Every structure is written in C-alpha cells, then in structure tokens.
C-alpha cells in the first residue's frame, strides 16, 4: 500500500508540475500577445494622429460652397466687364481707324487736287 500512495503522490506531483509548466507558457504567450498588441495599437494611433493632422490642415484651407460660388460670380462679373471694355475699345479702334482713313483720303485728295492745279 505504501508503494501505491508513493506512486500516486509522484503522479500528482508530475501532473502539478505539468500544469505549472503549461500555466507559465500560457502566461508568457499572453505577455507576448499583449506586447505585440500594444505595438500594433501604437502604430495605429500614430497613423490616426497623422490623419487627424492632415484633416485639420485640410479644414484650415477649406472653402465652403457659398464662398466658392460668390467668388465664381465675382469672377464672372469681372469677365463680363472686361469683355464689354474690349468691345468698346475695339469699336473705338474701328472708329479711329475709319477716321484716320478718312483723313488720309482727304489729305491725298487735297494733295492731288493741289498738284493738278499747278
């Protein structure tokens, strides 16, 4: 009977030793997993912080639709004014060209008339 108790004691000690080894391995695996998870989270947080900064920078240069439409309307009005000025200047140029041609014609006529009288 003492051999049976001794044998059972050894089996229980082996079993406890095996359970203790498995528990230690599990604890190390959990610790490694937590460290890897922390590194991954840090990388994700860095990426998110960078994205947040980019979004913040974009918002600082953002032009809302109303302001954009107002600027476009202002540019369209300016363009209309410039086109009207161009048309006026072109018209004036045509008048000046016509007047110049008329003056040249009169001068040429006078010169030829004066030359024929001599």
Protein backbone atom coordinates (compact mmCIF):
# COMPACT_ATOMS: atom_id res chain seq x y z
CA UNK A 1 0.00 0.00 0.00
CA UNK A 2 2.79 2.50 0.69
CA UNK A 3 4.01 1.94 -2.85
CA UNK A 4 0.60 2.84 -4.19
CA UNK A 5 0.49 6.06 -2.16
CA UNK A 6 4.03 6.91 -3.19
CA UNK A 7 3.20 6.15 -6.82
CA UNK A 8 0.02 8.28 -6.63
CA UNK A 9 1.98 11.08 -4.98
CA UNK A 10 4.50 11.03 -7.83
CA UNK A 11 1.72 11.09 -10.40
CA UNK A 12 0.04 14.04 -8.68
CA UNK A 13 3.39 15.89 -8.44
CA UNK A 14 4.07 15.20 -12.14
CA UNK A 15 0.63 16.41 -13.01
CA UNK A 16 1.05 19.59 -10.93
CA UNK A 17 4.47 20.16 -12.49
CA UNK A 18 2.99 19.74 -15.96
CA UNK A 19 0.11 22.11 -15.14
CA UNK A 20 2.57 24.65 -13.70
CA UNK A 21 4.71 24.46 -16.88
CA UNK A 22 1.62 24.92 -19.08
CA UNK A 23 0.47 27.85 -16.93
CA UNK A 24 3.91 29.53 -17.26
CA UNK A 25 3.90 29.00 -21.03
CA UNK A 26 0.40 30.43 -21.24
CA UNK A 27 1.40 33.47 -19.15
CA UNK A 28 4.43 34.09 -21.43
CA UNK A 29 2.24 33.74 -24.53
CA UNK A 30 -0.30 36.19 -23.11
CA UNK A 31 2.51 38.65 -22.24
CA UNK A 32 3.94 38.39 -25.78
CA UNK A 33 0.49 38.87 -27.28
CA UNK A 34 -0.10 41.96 -25.12
CA UNK A 35 3.26 43.46 -26.14
CA UNK A 36 2.55 42.85 -29.82
CA UNK A 37 -0.93 44.27 -29.44
CA UNK A 38 0.47 47.38 -27.73
CA UNK A 39 2.98 47.91 -30.55
CA UNK A 40 0.25 47.47 -33.15
CA UNK A 41 -2.03 49.88 -31.31
CA UNK A 42 0.78 52.44 -31.06
CA UNK A 43 1.36 52.20 -34.81
CA UNK A 44 -2.37 52.63 -35.48
CA UNK A 45 -2.60 55.58 -33.09
CA UNK A 46 0.39 57.26 -34.77
CA UNK A 47 -1.28 56.76 -38.13
CA UNK A 48 -4.58 58.14 -36.83
CA UNK A 49 -2.85 61.14 -35.27
CA UNK A 50 -1.16 61.84 -38.62
CA UNK A 51 -4.51 61.55 -40.38
CA UNK A 52 -6.12 63.86 -37.84
CA UNK A 53 -3.40 66.45 -38.52
CA UNK A 54 -3.92 66.13 -42.28
CA UNK A 55 -7.67 66.59 -41.83
CA UNK A 56 -7.08 69.60 -39.62
CA UNK A 57 -4.77 71.13 -42.24
CA UNK A 58 -7.33 70.43 -44.97
CA UNK A 59 -10.10 72.07 -42.94
CA UNK A 60 -7.96 75.18 -42.46
CA UNK A 61 -7.73 75.60 -46.24
CA UNK A 62 -11.31 74.51 -46.91
CA UNK A 63 -13.52 76.88 -48.89
CA UNK A 64 -17.22 76.38 -48.33
CA UNK A 65 -19.62 76.23 -51.24
CA UNK A 66 -21.18 79.66 -50.61
CA UNK A 67 -17.79 81.40 -50.65
CA UNK A 68 -16.74 79.48 -53.76
CA UNK A 69 -19.97 80.38 -55.57
CA UNK A 70 -19.59 84.03 -54.57
CA UNK A 71 -16.02 84.11 -55.93
CA UNK A 72 -17.10 82.47 -59.19
CA UNK A 73 -19.90 85.01 -59.58
CA UNK A 74 -17.46 87.85 -58.89
CA UNK A 75 -15.03 86.50 -61.50
CA UNK A 76 -17.86 86.12 -64.00
CA UNK A 77 -18.92 89.73 -63.42
CA UNK A 78 -15.31 90.91 -63.80
CA UNK A 79 -15.01 88.94 -67.02
CA UNK A 80 -18.23 90.47 -68.34
CA UNK A 81 -16.91 93.98 -67.60
CA UNK A 82 -13.60 93.20 -69.30
CA UNK A 83 -15.39 91.83 -72.37
CA UNK A 84 -17.53 95.00 -72.54
CA UNK A 85 -14.40 97.15 -72.28
CA UNK A 86 -12.77 95.12 -75.01
CA UNK A 87 -15.80 95.56 -77.23
CA UNK A 88 -15.81 99.31 -76.57
CA UNK A 89 -12.10 99.59 -77.27
CA UNK A 90 -12.45 97.53 -80.44
CA UNK A 91 -15.33 99.76 -81.52
CA UNK A 92 -13.31 102.87 -80.74
CA UNK A 93 -10.40 101.39 -82.63
CA UNK A 94 -12.63 100.88 -85.64
CA UNK A 95 -13.86 104.47 -85.37
CA UNK A 96 -10.28 105.74 -85.04
CA UNK A 97 -9.19 103.59 -87.97
CA UNK A 98 -12.11 104.88 -90.02
CA UNK A 99 -11.37 108.49 -89.07
CA UNK A 100 -7.70 108.01 -89.89
CA UNK A 101 -8.58 106.51 -93.25
CA UNK A 102 -10.92 109.42 -93.95
CA UNK A 103 -8.27 111.98 -93.01
CA UNK A 104 -5.69 110.21 -95.20
CA UNK A 105 -8.19 110.15 -98.06
CA UNK A 106 -8.88 113.88 -97.63
CA UNK A 107 -5.16 114.68 -97.49
CA UNK A 108 -4.47 112.56 -100.58
CA UNK A 109 -7.38 114.25 -102.39
CA UNK A 110 -6.16 117.71 -101.41
CA UNK A 111 -2.61 116.91 -102.47
CA UNK A 112 -3.74 115.55 -105.81
CA UNK A 113 -6.08 118.49 -106.32
CA UNK A 114 -3.28 120.94 -105.49
CA UNK A 115 -0.91 119.14 -107.83
CA UNK A 116 -3.38 119.21 -110.69
CA UNK A 117 -3.87 122.94 -110.29
CA UNK A 118 -0.24 123.68 -110.75
